[in-house]
Amino acid sequence: MICNATDLSPDQKAALEKLLGRRVHDGEAVSVRTFEPAVVSREQKIEIANELRKYFAEVDAARKPVSDAEAEDITNEAMRSVRPGYRPHQ
């Protein structure tokens, strides 16, 4: 379900703003979707987390060292490539 913010009743807009934790602007569209979460056991979650830690440790070991500023620039560039309107939080 996609609605334009201007089409929402004041109660609907207030509920959305409470959920989002910010004001909904008139030029925005709002999408609401429900889904069933995947059933993953605690053991599976732990196993997945351990595999991710192992993978990222391997990636970190193989990467070239960069300054914190360079790492931030690289991260911001990657975010903008998938979210063109992305702006880093200051």
PDB file of N, CA and C in Angstrom:
ATOM      1  N   MET A   1       0.848  -1.165   0.000  1.00  0.00           N
ATOM      2  CA  MET A   1       0.000   0.000   0.000  1.00  0.00           C
ATOM      3  C   MET A   1       0.900   1.235   0.000  1.00  0.00           C
ATOM      4  N   ILE A   2       0.709   2.105  -0.957  1.00  0.00           N
ATOM      5  CA  ILE A   2       1.471   3.351  -1.038  1.00  0.00           C
ATOM      6  C   ILE A   2       0.491   4.514  -1.015  1.00  0.00           C
ATOM      7  N   CYS A   3       0.740   5.475  -0.140  1.00  0.00           N
ATOM      8  CA  CYS A   3      -0.115   6.656  -0.019  1.00  0.00           C
ATOM      9  C   CYS A   3       0.740   7.911  -0.068  1.00  0.00           C
ATOM     10  N   ASN A   4       0.179   8.953  -0.651  1.00  0.00           N
ATOM     11  CA  ASN A   4       0.823  10.260  -0.586  1.00  0.00           C
ATOM     12  C   ASN A   4       0.537  10.844   0.788  1.00  0.00           C
ATOM     13  N   ALA A   5       1.529  11.489   1.373  1.00  0.00           N
ATOM     14  CA  ALA A   5       1.359  12.051   2.715  1.00  0.00           C
ATOM     15  C   ALA A   5       0.189  13.016   2.774  1.00  0.00           C
ATOM     16  N   THR A   6      -0.058  13.728   1.681  1.00  0.00           N
ATOM     17  CA  THR A   6      -1.157  14.695   1.669  1.00  0.00           C
ATOM     18  C   THR A   6      -2.523  14.020   1.706  1.00  0.00           C
ATOM     19  N   ASP A   7      -2.585  12.723   1.383  1.00  0.00           N
ATOM     20  CA  ASP A   7      -3.857  11.991   1.396  1.00  0.00           C
ATOM     21  C   ASP A   7      -4.160  11.353   2.745  1.00  0.00           C
ATOM     22  N   LEU A   8      -3.245  11.440   3.689  1.00  0.00           N
ATOM     23  CA  LEU A   8      -3.441  10.825   4.995  1.00  0.00           C
ATOM     24  C   LEU A   8      -4.280  11.706   5.903  1.00  0.00           C
ATOM     25  N   SER A   9      -5.094  11.075   6.745  1.00  0.00           N
ATOM     26  CA  SER A   9      -5.838  11.839   7.749  1.00  0.00           C
ATOM     27  C   SER A   9      -4.846  12.299   8.813  1.00  0.00           C
ATOM     28  N   PRO A  10      -5.198  13.307   9.596  1.00  0.00           N
ATOM     29  CA  PRO A  10      -4.285  13.752  10.657  1.00  0.00           C
ATOM     30  C   PRO A  10      -3.916  12.617  11.620  1.00  0.00           C
ATOM     31  N   ASP A  11      -4.867  11.741  11.935  1.00  0.00           N
ATOM     32  CA  ASP A  11      -4.575  10.617  12.829  1.00  0.00           C
ATOM     33  C   ASP A  11      -3.593   9.636  12.193  1.00  0.00           C
ATOM     34  N   GLN A  12      -3.785   9.350  10.913  1.00  0.00           N
ATOM     35  CA  GLN A  12      -2.878   8.440  10.215  1.00  0.00           C
ATOM     36  C   GLN A  12      -1.472   9.028  10.159  1.00  0.00           C
ATOM     37  N   LYS A  13      -1.395  10.307   9.828  1.00  0.00           N
ATOM     38  CA  LYS A  13      -0.102  10.974   9.734  1.00  0.00           C
ATOM     39  C   LYS A  13       0.595  10.969  11.098  1.00  0.00           C
ATOM     40  N   ALA A  14      -0.161  11.239  12.160  1.00  0.00           N
ATOM     41  CA  ALA A  14       0.419  11.252  13.509  1.00  0.00           C
ATOM     42  C   ALA A  14       0.936   9.866  13.890  1.00  0.00           C
ATOM     43  N   ALA A  15       0.188   8.821  13.538  1.00  0.00           N
ATOM     44  CA  ALA A  15       0.614   7.454  13.850  1.00  0.00           C
ATOM     45  C   ALA A  15       1.898   7.106  13.105  1.00  0.00           C
ATOM     46  N   LEU A  16       1.967   7.471  11.828  1.00  0.00           N
ATOM     47  CA  LEU A  16       3.172   7.212  11.041  1.00  0.00           C
ATOM     48  C   LEU A  16       4.369   7.978  11.591  1.00  0.00           C
ATOM     49  N   GLU A  17       4.158   9.229  11.946  1.00  0.00           N
ATOM     50  CA  GLU A  17       5.249  10.036  12.479  1.00  0.00           C
ATOM     51  C   GLU A  17       5.760   9.457  13.795  1.00  0.00           C
ATOM     52  N   LYS A  18       4.858   8.911  14.593  1.00  0.00           N
ATOM     53  CA  LYS A  18       5.278   8.282  15.847  1.00  0.00           C
ATOM     54  C   LYS A  18       6.115   7.037  15.555  1.00  0.00           C
ATOM     55  N   LEU A  19       5.685   6.221  14.584  1.00  0.00           N
ATOM     56  CA  LEU A  19       6.436   5.023  14.220  1.00  0.00           C
ATOM     57  C   LEU A  19       7.794   5.366  13.620  1.00  0.00           C
ATOM     58  N   LEU A  20       7.834   6.374  12.754  1.00  0.00           N
ATOM     59  CA  LEU A  20       9.074   6.749  12.078  1.00  0.00           C
ATOM     60  C   LEU A  20      10.012   7.554  12.965  1.00  0.00           C
ATOM     61  N   GLY A  21       9.446   8.223  13.958  1.00  0.00           N
ATOM     62  CA  GLY A  21      10.268   9.058  14.819  1.00  0.00           C
ATOM     63  C   GLY A  21      10.673  10.367  14.174  1.00  0.00           C
ATOM     64  N   ARG A  22       9.906  10.785  13.175  1.00  0.00           N
ATOM     65  CA  ARG A  22      10.183  12.056  12.498  1.00  0.00           C
ATOM     66  C   ARG A  22       8.917  12.545  11.805  1.00  0.00           C
ATOM     67  N   ARG A  23       8.961  13.788  11.376  1.00  0.00           N
ATOM     68  CA  ARG A  23       7.832  14.387  10.660  1.00  0.00           C
ATOM     69  C   ARG A  23       7.709  13.786   9.267  1.00  0.00           C
ATOM     70  N   VAL A  24       6.486  13.563   8.804  1.00  0.00           N
ATOM     71  CA  VAL A  24       6.222  13.131   7.427  1.00  0.00           C
ATOM     72  C   VAL A  24       5.882  14.385   6.631  1.00  0.00           C
ATOM     73  N   HIS A  25       6.649  14.647   5.573  1.00  0.00           N
ATOM     74  CA  HIS A  25       6.467  15.855   4.769  1.00  0.00           C
ATOM     75  C   HIS A  25       5.428  15.626   3.675  1.00  0.00           C
ATOM     76  N   ASP A  26       4.746  16.696   3.276  1.00  0.00           N
ATOM     77  CA  ASP A  26       3.676  16.598   2.291  1.00  0.00           C
ATOM     78  C   ASP A  26       4.125  16.023   0.957  1.00  0.00           C
ATOM     79  N   GLY A  27       5.344  16.243   0.547  1.00  0.00           N
ATOM     80  CA  GLY A  27       5.818  15.744  -0.736  1.00  0.00           C
ATOM     81  C   GLY A  27       6.210  14.271  -0.714  1.00  0.00           C
ATOM     82  N   GLU A  28       6.127  13.628   0.433  1.00  0.00           N
ATOM     83  CA  GLU A  28       6.554  12.242   0.550  1.00  0.00           C
ATOM     84  C   GLU A  28       5.424  11.266   0.254  1.00  0.00           C
ATOM     85  N   ALA A  29       5.820  10.083  -0.178  1.00  0.00           N
ATOM     86  CA  ALA A  29       4.899   8.961  -0.304  1.00  0.00           C
ATOM     87  C   ALA A  29       5.242   7.987   0.816  1.00  0.00           C
ATOM     88  N   VAL A  30       4.241   7.317   1.321  1.00  0.00           N
ATOM     89  CA  VAL A  30       4.426   6.389   2.431  1.00  0.00           C
ATOM     90  C   VAL A  30       4.021   5.002   1.969  1.00  0.00           C
ATOM     91  N   SER A  31       4.899   4.034   2.235  1.00  0.00           N
ATOM     92  CA  SER A  31       4.635   2.649   1.879  1.00  0.00           C
ATOM     93  C   SER A  31       4.528   1.832   3.154  1.00  0.00           C
ATOM     94  N   VAL A  32       3.465   1.042   3.258  1.00  0.00           N
ATOM     95  CA  VAL A  32       3.273   0.183   4.419  1.00  0.00           C
ATOM     96  C   VAL A  32       3.214  -1.248   3.924  1.00  0.00           C
ATOM     97  N   ARG A  33       3.974  -2.109   4.593  1.00  0.00           N
ATOM     98  CA  ARG A  33       4.027  -3.500   4.167  1.00  0.00           C
ATOM     99  C   ARG A  33       4.153  -4.393   5.395  1.00  0.00           C
ATOM    100  N   THR A  34       3.466  -5.504   5.372  1.00  0.00           N
ATOM    101  CA  THR A  34       3.622  -6.485   6.436  1.00  0.00           C
ATOM    102  C   THR A  34       4.231  -7.745   5.845  1.00  0.00           C
ATOM    103  N   PHE A  35       4.896  -8.511   6.696  1.00  0.00           N
ATOM    104  CA  PHE A  35       5.492  -9.760   6.239  1.00  0.00           C
ATOM    105  C   PHE A  35       5.697 -10.681   7.436  1.00  0.00           C
ATOM    106  N   GLU A  36       5.808 -11.945   7.146  1.00  0.00           N
ATOM    107  CA  GLU A  36       6.090 -12.934   8.172  1.00  0.00           C
ATOM    108  C   GLU A  36       7.607 -13.051   8.302  1.00  0.00           C
ATOM    109  N   PRO A  37       8.143 -12.835   9.487  1.00  0.00           N
ATOM    110  CA  PRO A  37       9.594 -12.970   9.637  1.00  0.00           C
ATOM    111  C   PRO A  37      10.031 -14.417   9.424  1.00  0.00           C
ATOM    112  N   ALA A  38      11.237 -14.563   8.911  1.00  0.00           N
ATOM    113  CA  ALA A  38      11.784 -15.903   8.710  1.00  0.00           C
ATOM    114  C   ALA A  38      11.962 -16.583  10.067  1.00  0.00           C
ATOM    115  N   VAL A  39      11.698 -17.870  10.100  1.00  0.00           N
ATOM    116  CA  VAL A  39      11.874 -18.625  11.332  1.00  0.00           C
ATOM    117  C   VAL A  39      13.314 -19.127  11.375  1.00  0.00           C
ATOM    118  N   VAL A  40      14.094 -18.527  12.269  1.00  0.00           N
ATOM    119  CA  VAL A  40      15.497 -18.893  12.415  1.00  0.00           C
ATOM    120  C   VAL A  40      15.723 -19.172  13.902  1.00  0.00           C
ATOM    121  N   SER A  41      16.211 -20.347  14.198  1.00  0.00           N
ATOM    122  CA  SER A  41      16.448 -20.713  15.598  1.00  0.00           C
ATOM    123  C   SER A  41      17.598 -19.908  16.171  1.00  0.00           C
ATOM    124  N   ARG A  42      17.672 -19.852  17.480  1.00  0.00           N
ATOM    125  CA  ARG A  42      18.764 -19.151  18.156  1.00  0.00           C
ATOM    126  C   ARG A  42      20.109 -19.748  17.737  1.00  0.00           C
ATOM    127  N   GLU A  43      20.172 -21.058  17.627  1.00  0.00           N
ATOM    128  CA  GLU A  43      21.411 -21.721  17.227  1.00  0.00           C
ATOM    129  C   GLU A  43      21.816 -21.313  15.813  1.00  0.00           C
ATOM    130  N   GLN A  44      20.829 -21.232  14.900  1.00  0.00           N
ATOM    131  CA  GLN A  44      21.122 -20.814  13.525  1.00  0.00           C
ATOM    132  C   GLN A  44      21.634 -19.375  13.503  1.00  0.00           C
ATOM    133  N   LYS A  45      21.027 -18.508  14.306  1.00  0.00           N
ATOM    134  CA  LYS A  45      21.460 -17.113  14.370  1.00  0.00           C
ATOM    135  C   LYS A  45      22.907 -17.016  14.852  1.00  0.00           C
ATOM    136  N   ILE A  46      23.239 -17.793  15.870  1.00  0.00           N
ATOM    137  CA  ILE A  46      24.606 -17.792  16.397  1.00  0.00           C
ATOM    138  C   ILE A  46      25.571 -18.301  15.337  1.00  0.00           C
ATOM    139  N   GLU A  47      25.204 -19.378  14.645  1.00  0.00           N
ATOM    140  CA  GLU A  47      26.057 -19.927  13.589  1.00  0.00           C
ATOM    141  C   GLU A  47      26.268 -18.915  12.460  1.00  0.00           C
ATOM    142  N   ILE A  48      25.196 -18.255  12.045  1.00  0.00           N
ATOM    143  CA  ILE A  48      25.280 -17.239  10.985  1.00  0.00           C
ATOM    144  C   ILE A  48      26.187 -16.088  11.440  1.00  0.00           C
ATOM    145  N   ALA A  49      25.998 -15.616  12.679  1.00  0.00           N
ATOM    146  CA  ALA A  49      26.814 -14.521  13.201  1.00  0.00           C
ATOM    147  C   ALA A  49      28.287 -14.917  13.240  1.00  0.00           C
ATOM    148  N   ASN A  50      28.576 -16.144  13.657  1.00  0.00           N
ATOM    149  CA  ASN A  50      29.965 -16.604  13.702  1.00  0.00           C
ATOM    150  C   ASN A  50      30.576 -16.681  12.307  1.00  0.00           C
ATOM    151  N   GLU A  51      29.815 -17.145  11.333  1.00  0.00           N
ATOM    152  CA  GLU A  51      30.302 -17.205   9.951  1.00  0.00           C
ATOM    153  C   GLU A  51      30.564 -15.808   9.406  1.00  0.00           C
ATOM    154  N   LEU A  52      29.684 -14.858   9.729  1.00  0.00           N
ATOM    155  CA  LEU A  52      29.895 -13.476   9.290  1.00  0.00           C
ATOM    156  C   LEU A  52      31.142 -12.883   9.933  1.00  0.00           C
ATOM    157  N   ARG A  53      31.340 -13.140  11.223  1.00  0.00           N
ATOM    158  CA  ARG A  53      32.551 -12.645  11.890  1.00  0.00           C
ATOM    159  C   ARG A  53      33.799 -13.206  11.214  1.00  0.00           C
ATOM    160  N   LYS A  54      33.766 -14.492  10.907  1.00  0.00           N
ATOM    161  CA  LYS A  54      34.908 -15.130  10.247  1.00  0.00           C
ATOM    162  C   LYS A  54      35.149 -14.502   8.871  1.00  0.00           C
ATOM    163  N   TYR A  55      34.073 -14.323   8.096  1.00  0.00           N
ATOM    164  CA  TYR A  55      34.192 -13.735   6.759  1.00  0.00           C
ATOM    165  C   TYR A  55      34.772 -12.321   6.834  1.00  0.00           C
ATOM    166  N   PHE A  56      34.224 -11.485   7.730  1.00  0.00           N
ATOM    167  CA  PHE A  56      34.695 -10.106   7.813  1.00  0.00           C
ATOM    168  C   PHE A  56      36.121 -10.025   8.355  1.00  0.00           C
ATOM    169  N   ALA A  57      36.511 -10.946   9.212  1.00  0.00           N
ATOM    170  CA  ALA A  57      37.904 -10.980   9.677  1.00  0.00           C
ATOM    171  C   ALA A  57      38.835 -11.269   8.504  1.00  0.00           C
ATOM    172  N   GLU A  58      38.422 -12.173   7.611  1.00  0.00           N
ATOM    173  CA  GLU A  58      39.229 -12.476   6.421  1.00  0.00           C
ATOM    174  C   GLU A  58      39.310 -11.265   5.492  1.00  0.00           C
ATOM    175  N   VAL A  59      38.189 -10.593   5.311  1.00  0.00           N
ATOM    176  CA  VAL A  59      38.168  -9.392   4.468  1.00  0.00           C
ATOM    177  C   VAL A  59      39.064  -8.320   5.075  1.00  0.00           C
ATOM    178  N   ASP A  60      38.941  -8.093   6.381  1.00  0.00           N
ATOM    179  CA  ASP A  60      39.767  -7.080   7.041  1.00  0.00           C
ATOM    180  C   ASP A  60      41.250  -7.408   6.940  1.00  0.00           C
ATOM    181  N   ALA A  61      41.595  -8.677   7.058  1.00  0.00           N
ATOM    182  CA  ALA A  61      43.006  -9.072   6.994  1.00  0.00           C
ATOM    183  C   ALA A  61      43.593  -8.818   5.606  1.00  0.00           C
ATOM    184  N   ALA A  62      42.751  -8.870   4.567  1.00  0.00           N
ATOM    185  CA  ALA A  62      43.238  -8.725   3.197  1.00  0.00           C
ATOM    186  C   ALA A  62      43.176  -7.283   2.677  1.00  0.00           C
ATOM    187  N   ARG A  63      42.518  -6.394   3.399  1.00  0.00           N
ATOM    188  CA  ARG A  63      42.352  -5.034   2.868  1.00  0.00           C
ATOM    189  C   ARG A  63      43.566  -4.176   3.148  1.00  0.00           C
ATOM    190  N   LYS A  64      43.741  -3.176   2.278  1.00  0.00           N
ATOM    191  CA  LYS A  64      44.829  -2.221   2.445  1.00  0.00           C
ATOM    192  C   LYS A  64      44.449  -1.247   3.561  1.00  0.00           C
ATOM    193  N   PRO A  65      45.416  -0.826   4.365  1.00  0.00           N
ATOM    194  CA  PRO A  65      45.085   0.133   5.424  1.00  0.00           C
ATOM    195  C   PRO A  65      44.734   1.498   4.828  1.00  0.00           C
ATOM    196  N   VAL A  66      43.730   2.131   5.405  1.00  0.00           N
ATOM    197  CA  VAL A  66      43.323   3.481   5.000  1.00  0.00           C
ATOM    198  C   VAL A  66      43.034   4.285   6.258  1.00  0.00           C
ATOM    199  N   SER A  67      43.055   5.601   6.112  1.00  0.00           N
ATOM    200  CA  SER A  67      42.742   6.469   7.248  1.00  0.00           C
ATOM    201  C   SER A  67      41.244   6.403   7.542  1.00  0.00           C
ATOM    202  N   ASP A  68      40.867   6.876   8.729  1.00  0.00           N
ATOM    203  CA  ASP A  68      39.441   6.913   9.091  1.00  0.00           C
ATOM    204  C   ASP A  68      38.648   7.768   8.106  1.00  0.00           C
ATOM    205  N   ALA A  69      39.233   8.872   7.659  1.00  0.00           N
ATOM    206  CA  ALA A  69      38.547   9.761   6.706  1.00  0.00           C
ATOM    207  C   ALA A  69      38.334   9.056   5.370  1.00  0.00           C
ATOM    208  N   GLU A  70      39.343   8.318   4.898  1.00  0.00           N
ATOM    209  CA  GLU A  70      39.207   7.576   3.639  1.00  0.00           C
ATOM    210  C   GLU A  70      38.135   6.491   3.770  1.00  0.00           C
ATOM    211  N   ALA A  71      38.122   5.803   4.898  1.00  0.00           N
ATOM    212  CA  ALA A  71      37.120   4.762   5.125  1.00  0.00           C
ATOM    213  C   ALA A  71      35.722   5.369   5.124  1.00  0.00           C
ATOM    214  N   GLU A  72      35.576   6.529   5.742  1.00  0.00           N
ATOM    215  CA  GLU A  72      34.278   7.221   5.772  1.00  0.00           C
ATOM    216  C   GLU A  72      33.860   7.624   4.364  1.00  0.00           C
ATOM    217  N   ASP A  73      34.790   8.153   3.576  1.00  0.00           N
ATOM    218  CA  ASP A  73      34.496   8.538   2.190  1.00  0.00           C
ATOM    219  C   ASP A  73      34.060   7.329   1.358  1.00  0.00           C
ATOM    220  N   ILE A  74      34.746   6.215   1.528  1.00  0.00           N
ATOM    221  CA  ILE A  74      34.416   4.995   0.783  1.00  0.00           C
ATOM    222  C   ILE A  74      33.020   4.509   1.157  1.00  0.00           C
ATOM    223  N   THR A  75      32.723   4.526   2.457  1.00  0.00           N
ATOM    224  CA  THR A  75      31.398   4.097   2.924  1.00  0.00           C
ATOM    225  C   THR A  75      30.310   5.010   2.376  1.00  0.00           C
ATOM    226  N   ASN A  76      30.533   6.314   2.429  1.00  0.00           N
ATOM    227  CA  ASN A  76      29.540   7.267   1.917  1.00  0.00           C
ATOM    228  C   ASN A  76      29.325   7.096   0.419  1.00  0.00           C
ATOM    229  N   GLU A  77      30.402   6.876  -0.321  1.00  0.00           N
ATOM    230  CA  GLU A  77      30.286   6.659  -1.768  1.00  0.00           C
ATOM    231  C   GLU A  77      29.460   5.400  -2.060  1.00  0.00           C
ATOM    232  N   ALA A  78      29.723   4.339  -1.307  1.00  0.00           N
ATOM    233  CA  ALA A  78      28.965   3.098  -1.494  1.00  0.00           C
ATOM    234  C   ALA A  78      27.485   3.313  -1.171  1.00  0.00           C
ATOM    235  N   MET A  79      27.199   4.028  -0.096  1.00  0.00           N
ATOM    236  CA  MET A  79      25.796   4.297   0.268  1.00  0.00           C
ATOM    237  C   MET A  79      25.103   5.121  -0.816  1.00  0.00           C
ATOM    238  N   ARG A  80      25.789   6.143  -1.338  1.00  0.00           N
ATOM    239  CA  ARG A  80      25.180   6.978  -2.390  1.00  0.00           C
ATOM    240  C   ARG A  80      24.963   6.193  -3.680  1.00  0.00           C
ATOM    241  N   SER A  81      25.777   5.158  -3.919  1.00  0.00           N
ATOM    242  CA  SER A  81      25.608   4.387  -5.147  1.00  0.00           C
ATOM    243  C   SER A  81      24.321   3.565  -5.126  1.00  0.00           C
ATOM    244  N   VAL A  82      23.846   3.219  -3.932  1.00  0.00           N
ATOM    245  CA  VAL A  82      22.599   2.445  -3.836  1.00  0.00           C
ATOM    246  C   VAL A  82      21.433   3.295  -3.351  1.00  0.00           C
ATOM    247  N   ARG A  83      21.735   4.443  -2.750  1.00  0.00           N
ATOM    248  CA  ARG A  83      20.708   5.381  -2.295  1.00  0.00           C
ATOM    249  C   ARG A  83      21.149   6.779  -2.705  1.00  0.00           C
ATOM    250  N   PRO A  84      20.801   7.192  -3.923  1.00  0.00           N
ATOM    251  CA  PRO A  84      21.313   8.465  -4.453  1.00  0.00           C
ATOM    252  C   PRO A  84      21.077   9.683  -3.560  1.00  0.00           C
ATOM    253  N   GLY A  85      20.014   9.697  -2.774  1.00  0.00           N
ATOM    254  CA  GLY A  85      19.743  10.833  -1.901  1.00  0.00           C
ATOM    255  C   GLY A  85      20.420  10.725  -0.549  1.00  0.00           C
ATOM    256  N   TYR A  86      21.276   9.726  -0.344  1.00  0.00           N
ATOM    257  CA  TYR A  86      21.894   9.500   0.957  1.00  0.00           C
ATOM    258  C   TYR A  86      22.780  10.672   1.359  1.00  0.00           C
ATOM    259  N   ARG A  87      22.625  11.089   2.600  1.00  0.00           N
ATOM    260  CA  ARG A  87      23.508  12.097   3.183  1.00  0.00           C
ATOM    261  C   ARG A  87      23.958  11.545   4.533  1.00  0.00           C
ATOM    262  N   PRO A  88      25.256  11.552   4.805  1.00  0.00           N
ATOM    263  CA  PRO A  88      25.744  11.032   6.082  1.00  0.00           C
ATOM    264  C   PRO A  88      25.248  11.895   7.251  1.00  0.00           C
ATOM    265  N   HIS A  89      25.024  11.244   8.371  1.00  0.00           N
ATOM    266  CA  HIS A  89      24.613  11.973   9.579  1.00  0.00           C
ATOM    267  C   HIS A  89      25.818  12.701  10.152  1.00  0.00           C
ATOM    268  N   GLN A  90      25.613  13.902  10.541  1.00  0.00           N
ATOM    269  CA  GLN A  90      26.713  14.707  11.109  1.00  0.00           C
ATOM    270  C   GLN A  90      26.563  14.795  12.590  1.00  0.00           C
TER     271      GLN A  90
END
